């Protein structure tokens, strides 16, 4: 059973639903496996807890 981990900043529930569906569909199409075997874990990191290019994402 594939397990996909996504690390990202906060998103709406609607966007996360769409992402999970698309990732699941990609595995079903690529591997020919049942959708029920695909798990997607979303880890959201607050914008004040990660940064890029020397700046917190919250400060951008």
PDB file of N, CA and C in Angstrom:
ATOM      1  N   UNK A   1       0.838  -1.168   0.000  1.00  0.00           N
ATOM      2  CA  UNK A   1       0.000   0.000   0.000  1.00  0.00           C
ATOM      3  C   UNK A   1       0.886   1.234   0.000  1.00  0.00           C
ATOM      4  N   UNK A   2       0.725   2.115  -0.986  1.00  0.00           N
ATOM      5  CA  UNK A   2       1.516   3.342  -1.015  1.00  0.00           C
ATOM      6  C   UNK A   2       1.055   4.330   0.062  1.00  0.00           C
ATOM      7  N   UNK A   3       2.037   4.969   0.670  1.00  0.00           N
ATOM      8  CA  UNK A   3       1.764   6.060   1.604  1.00  0.00           C
ATOM      9  C   UNK A   3       2.525   7.267   1.091  1.00  0.00           C
ATOM     10  N   UNK A   4       1.798   8.341   0.825  1.00  0.00           N
ATOM     11  CA  UNK A   4       2.396   9.571   0.312  1.00  0.00           C
ATOM     12  C   UNK A   4       2.348  10.601   1.432  1.00  0.00           C
ATOM     13  N   UNK A   5       3.473  11.235   1.702  1.00  0.00           N
ATOM     14  CA  UNK A   5       3.530  12.285   2.718  1.00  0.00           C
ATOM     15  C   UNK A   5       3.740  13.625   2.037  1.00  0.00           C
ATOM     16  N   UNK A   6       2.885  14.582   2.361  1.00  0.00           N
ATOM     17  CA  UNK A   6       2.979  15.937   1.818  1.00  0.00           C
ATOM     18  C   UNK A   6       3.274  16.872   2.980  1.00  0.00           C
ATOM     19  N   UNK A   7       4.340  17.647   2.854  1.00  0.00           N
ATOM     20  CA  UNK A   7       4.637  18.668   3.849  1.00  0.00           C
ATOM     21  C   UNK A   7       4.401  20.014   3.177  1.00  0.00           C
ATOM     22  N   UNK A   8       3.585  20.841   3.826  1.00  0.00           N
ATOM     23  CA  UNK A   8       3.219  22.112   3.210  1.00  0.00           C
ATOM     24  C   UNK A   8       2.767  23.092   4.277  1.00  0.00           C
ATOM     25  N   UNK A   9       2.602  24.324   3.845  1.00  0.00           N
ATOM     26  CA  UNK A   9       1.993  25.325   4.696  1.00  0.00           C
ATOM     27  C   UNK A   9       0.487  25.107   4.738  1.00  0.00           C
ATOM     28  N   UNK A  10      -0.194  25.822   5.616  1.00  0.00           N
ATOM     29  CA  UNK A  10      -1.634  25.650   5.761  1.00  0.00           C
ATOM     30  C   UNK A  10      -2.398  25.915   4.461  1.00  0.00           C
ATOM     31  N   UNK A  11      -3.382  25.071   4.195  1.00  0.00           N
ATOM     32  CA  UNK A  11      -4.273  25.211   3.047  1.00  0.00           C
ATOM     33  C   UNK A  11      -5.701  24.950   3.512  1.00  0.00           C
ATOM     34  N   UNK A  12      -6.667  25.314   2.688  1.00  0.00           N
ATOM     35  CA  UNK A  12      -8.068  25.070   3.029  1.00  0.00           C
ATOM     36  C   UNK A  12      -8.392  23.583   2.902  1.00  0.00           C
ATOM     37  N   UNK A  13      -9.451  23.174   3.554  1.00  0.00           N
ATOM     38  CA  UNK A  13      -9.900  21.789   3.463  1.00  0.00           C
ATOM     39  C   UNK A  13     -10.253  21.443   2.018  1.00  0.00           C
ATOM     40  N   UNK A  14     -10.840  22.374   1.296  1.00  0.00           N
ATOM     41  CA  UNK A  14     -11.210  22.115  -0.099  1.00  0.00           C
ATOM     42  C   UNK A  14      -9.977  21.810  -0.952  1.00  0.00           C
ATOM     43  N   UNK A  15      -8.915  22.578  -0.773  1.00  0.00           N
ATOM     44  CA  UNK A  15      -7.681  22.331  -1.531  1.00  0.00           C
ATOM     45  C   UNK A  15      -7.054  20.997  -1.149  1.00  0.00           C
ATOM     46  N   UNK A  16      -7.093  20.655   0.145  1.00  0.00           N
ATOM     47  CA  UNK A  16      -6.530  19.379   0.578  1.00  0.00           C
ATOM     48  C   UNK A  16      -7.339  18.205   0.033  1.00  0.00           C
ATOM     49  N   UNK A  17      -8.651  18.345  -0.031  1.00  0.00           N
ATOM     50  CA  UNK A  17      -9.477  17.288  -0.628  1.00  0.00           C
ATOM     51  C   UNK A  17      -9.089  17.048  -2.076  1.00  0.00           C
ATOM     52  N   UNK A  18      -8.921  18.129  -2.816  1.00  0.00           N
ATOM     53  CA  UNK A  18      -8.547  18.031  -4.230  1.00  0.00           C
ATOM     54  C   UNK A  18      -7.170  17.383  -4.380  1.00  0.00           C
ATOM     55  N   UNK A  19      -6.228  17.783  -3.551  1.00  0.00           N
ATOM     56  CA  UNK A  19      -4.882  17.219  -3.606  1.00  0.00           C
ATOM     57  C   UNK A  19      -4.898  15.714  -3.335  1.00  0.00           C
ATOM     58  N   UNK A  20      -5.595  15.310  -2.286  1.00  0.00           N
ATOM     59  CA  UNK A  20      -5.670  13.890  -1.939  1.00  0.00           C
ATOM     60  C   UNK A  20      -6.300  13.094  -3.078  1.00  0.00           C
ATOM     61  N   UNK A  21      -7.342  13.627  -3.686  1.00  0.00           N
ATOM     62  CA  UNK A  21      -7.984  12.923  -4.796  1.00  0.00           C
ATOM     63  C   UNK A  21      -7.041  12.775  -5.981  1.00  0.00           C
ATOM     64  N   UNK A  22      -6.331  13.843  -6.316  1.00  0.00           N
ATOM     65  CA  UNK A  22      -5.423  13.793  -7.468  1.00  0.00           C
ATOM     66  C   UNK A  22      -4.239  12.856  -7.233  1.00  0.00           C
ATOM     67  N   UNK A  23      -3.696  12.876  -6.034  1.00  0.00           N
ATOM     68  CA  UNK A  23      -2.596  11.967  -5.719  1.00  0.00           C
ATOM     69  C   UNK A  23      -3.081  10.527  -5.789  1.00  0.00           C
ATOM     70  N   UNK A  24      -4.240  10.264  -5.214  1.00  0.00           N
ATOM     71  CA  UNK A  24      -4.811   8.918  -5.257  1.00  0.00           C
ATOM     72  C   UNK A  24      -5.030   8.469  -6.693  1.00  0.00           C
ATOM     73  N   UNK A  25      -5.629   9.335  -7.501  1.00  0.00           N
ATOM     74  CA  UNK A  25      -5.872   9.007  -8.913  1.00  0.00           C
ATOM     75  C   UNK A  25      -4.569   8.694  -9.648  1.00  0.00           C
ATOM     76  N   UNK A  26      -3.511   9.438  -9.343  1.00  0.00           N
ATOM     77  CA  UNK A  26      -2.224   9.209 -10.005  1.00  0.00           C
ATOM     78  C   UNK A  26      -1.687   7.812  -9.696  1.00  0.00           C
ATOM     79  N   UNK A  27      -1.804   7.376  -8.452  1.00  0.00           N
ATOM     80  CA  UNK A  27      -1.343   6.036  -8.096  1.00  0.00           C
ATOM     81  C   UNK A  27      -2.218   4.960  -8.720  1.00  0.00           C
ATOM     82  N   UNK A  28      -3.511   5.188  -8.732  1.00  0.00           N
ATOM     83  CA  UNK A  28      -4.427   4.231  -9.358  1.00  0.00           C
ATOM     84  C   UNK A  28      -4.087   4.085 -10.842  1.00  0.00           C
ATOM     85  N   UNK A  29      -3.869   5.198 -11.515  1.00  0.00           N
ATOM     86  CA  UNK A  29      -3.542   5.166 -12.946  1.00  0.00           C
ATOM     87  C   UNK A  29      -2.169   4.549 -13.204  1.00  0.00           C
ATOM     88  N   UNK A  30      -1.174   4.926 -12.418  1.00  0.00           N
ATOM     89  CA  UNK A  30       0.197   4.478 -12.667  1.00  0.00           C
ATOM     90  C   UNK A  30       0.431   3.017 -12.279  1.00  0.00           C
ATOM     91  N   UNK A  31      -0.154   2.597 -11.164  1.00  0.00           N
ATOM     92  CA  UNK A  31       0.127   1.264 -10.639  1.00  0.00           C
ATOM     93  C   UNK A  31      -1.003   0.268 -10.859  1.00  0.00           C
ATOM     94  N   UNK A  32      -2.173   0.778 -11.263  1.00  0.00           N
ATOM     95  CA  UNK A  32      -3.313  -0.109 -11.461  1.00  0.00           C
ATOM     96  C   UNK A  32      -3.788  -0.756 -10.160  1.00  0.00           C
ATOM     97  N   UNK A  33      -3.740   0.002  -9.072  1.00  0.00           N
ATOM     98  CA  UNK A  33      -4.140  -0.511  -7.761  1.00  0.00           C
ATOM     99  C   UNK A  33      -5.463   0.123  -7.344  1.00  0.00           C
ATOM    100  N   UNK A  34      -6.174  -0.488  -6.398  1.00  0.00           N
ATOM    101  CA  UNK A  34      -7.421   0.109  -5.922  1.00  0.00           C
ATOM    102  C   UNK A  34      -7.148   1.396  -5.123  1.00  0.00           C
ATOM    103  N   UNK A  35      -8.031   2.344  -5.274  1.00  0.00           N
ATOM    104  CA  UNK A  35      -7.900   3.613  -4.550  1.00  0.00           C
ATOM    105  C   UNK A  35      -7.840   3.400  -3.041  1.00  0.00           C
ATOM    106  N   UNK A  36      -8.513   2.370  -2.562  1.00  0.00           N
ATOM    107  CA  UNK A  36      -8.558   2.096  -1.121  1.00  0.00           C
ATOM    108  C   UNK A  36      -7.191   1.761  -0.535  1.00  0.00           C
ATOM    109  N   UNK A  37      -6.232   1.430  -1.387  1.00  0.00           N
ATOM    110  CA  UNK A  37      -4.904   1.068  -0.876  1.00  0.00           C
ATOM    111  C   UNK A  37      -3.963   2.268  -0.774  1.00  0.00           C
ATOM    112  N   UNK A  38      -4.380   3.419  -1.255  1.00  0.00           N
ATOM    113  CA  UNK A  38      -3.529   4.616  -1.267  1.00  0.00           C
ATOM    114  C   UNK A  38      -3.835   5.467  -0.034  1.00  0.00           C
ATOM    115  N   UNK A  39      -2.781   5.806   0.693  1.00  0.00           N
ATOM    116  CA  UNK A  39      -2.922   6.700   1.842  1.00  0.00           C
ATOM    117  C   UNK A  39      -2.126   7.971   1.572  1.00  0.00           C
ATOM    118  N   UNK A  40      -2.706   9.105   1.931  1.00  0.00           N
ATOM    119  CA  UNK A  40      -2.035  10.400   1.788  1.00  0.00           C
ATOM    120  C   UNK A  40      -2.040  11.075   3.160  1.00  0.00           C
ATOM    121  N   UNK A  41      -0.858  11.397   3.632  1.00  0.00           N
ATOM    122  CA  UNK A  41      -0.722  12.073   4.915  1.00  0.00           C
ATOM    123  C   UNK A  41      -0.272  13.504   4.641  1.00  0.00           C
ATOM    124  N   UNK A  42      -1.004  14.463   5.183  1.00  0.00           N
ATOM    125  CA  UNK A  42      -0.654  15.873   5.001  1.00  0.00           C
ATOM    126  C   UNK A  42      -0.166  16.422   6.339  1.00  0.00           C
ATOM    127  N   UNK A  43       1.065  16.903   6.328  1.00  0.00           N
ATOM    128  CA  UNK A  43       1.644  17.543   7.506  1.00  0.00           C
ATOM    129  C   UNK A  43       1.718  19.036   7.207  1.00  0.00           C
ATOM    130  N   UNK A  44       0.925  19.804   7.921  1.00  0.00           N
ATOM    131  CA  UNK A  44       0.942  21.252   7.718  1.00  0.00           C
ATOM    132  C   UNK A  44       1.861  21.908   8.743  1.00  0.00           C
ATOM    133  N   UNK A  45       2.708  22.771   8.251  1.00  0.00           N
ATOM    134  CA  UNK A  45       3.650  23.487   9.086  1.00  0.00           C
ATOM    135  C   UNK A  45       3.230  24.959   9.105  1.00  0.00           C
ATOM    136  N   UNK A  46       3.034  25.532  10.281  1.00  0.00           N
ATOM    137  CA  UNK A  46       2.669  26.948  10.350  1.00  0.00           C
ATOM    138  C   UNK A  46       3.732  27.818   9.683  1.00  0.00           C
ATOM    139  N   UNK A  47       3.301  28.914   9.098  1.00  0.00           N
ATOM    140  CA  UNK A  47       4.224  29.781   8.363  1.00  0.00           C
ATOM    141  C   UNK A  47       5.305  30.394   9.255  1.00  0.00           C
ATOM    142  N   UNK A  48       5.078  30.412  10.572  1.00  0.00           N
ATOM    143  CA  UNK A  48       6.117  30.940  11.458  1.00  0.00           C
ATOM    144  C   UNK A  48       7.080  29.846  11.923  1.00  0.00           C
ATOM    145  N   UNK A  49       6.947  28.640  11.361  1.00  0.00           N
ATOM    146  CA  UNK A  49       7.808  27.536  11.755  1.00  0.00           C
ATOM    147  C   UNK A  49       8.675  27.003  10.620  1.00  0.00           C
ATOM    148  N   UNK A  50       8.737  27.705   9.508  1.00  0.00           N
ATOM    149  CA  UNK A  50       9.629  27.316   8.415  1.00  0.00           C
ATOM    150  C   UNK A  50       9.979  28.539   7.599  1.00  0.00           C
ATOM    151  N   UNK A  51      11.067  28.437   6.886  1.00  0.00           N
ATOM    152  CA  UNK A  51      11.520  29.576   6.109  1.00  0.00           C
ATOM    153  C   UNK A  51      12.262  29.154   4.866  1.00  0.00           C
ATOM    154  N   UNK A  52      12.544  30.130   4.030  1.00  0.00           N
ATOM    155  CA  UNK A  52      13.308  29.914   2.803  1.00  0.00           C
ATOM    156  C   UNK A  52      14.063  31.202   2.496  1.00  0.00           C
ATOM    157  N   UNK A  53      15.213  31.049   1.909  1.00  0.00           N
ATOM    158  CA  UNK A  53      16.045  32.181   1.510  1.00  0.00           C
ATOM    159  C   UNK A  53      16.340  33.117   2.688  1.00  0.00           C
ATOM    160  N   UNK A  54      16.490  32.519   3.866  1.00  0.00           N
ATOM    161  CA  UNK A  54      16.863  33.308   5.041  1.00  0.00           C
ATOM    162  C   UNK A  54      15.744  34.043   5.718  1.00  0.00           C
ATOM    163  N   UNK A  55      14.500  33.808   5.332  1.00  0.00           N
ATOM    164  CA  UNK A  55      13.362  34.507   5.942  1.00  0.00           C
ATOM    165  C   UNK A  55      12.268  33.533   6.296  1.00  0.00           C
ATOM    166  N   UNK A  56      11.585  33.812   7.396  1.00  0.00           N
ATOM    167  CA  UNK A  56      10.401  33.033   7.747  1.00  0.00           C
ATOM    168  C   UNK A  56       9.335  33.248   6.679  1.00  0.00           C
ATOM    169  N   UNK A  57       8.617  32.200   6.390  1.00  0.00           N
ATOM    170  CA  UNK A  57       7.534  32.316   5.421  1.00  0.00           C
ATOM    171  C   UNK A  57       6.491  33.320   5.909  1.00  0.00           C
ATOM    172  N   UNK A  58       6.286  33.406   7.207  1.00  0.00           N
ATOM    173  CA  UNK A  58       5.311  34.352   7.773  1.00  0.00           C
ATOM    174  C   UNK A  58       5.693  35.792   7.480  1.00  0.00           C
ATOM    175  N   UNK A  59       6.980  36.072   7.246  1.00  0.00           N
ATOM    176  CA  UNK A  59       7.444  37.434   7.012  1.00  0.00           C
ATOM    177  C   UNK A  59       7.426  37.825   5.528  1.00  0.00           C
ATOM    178  N   UNK A  60       7.021  36.938   4.687  1.00  0.00           N
ATOM    179  CA  UNK A  60       7.021  37.251   3.239  1.00  0.00           C
ATOM    180  C   UNK A  60       5.781  37.991   2.842  1.00  0.00           C
TER     181      UNK A  60
END
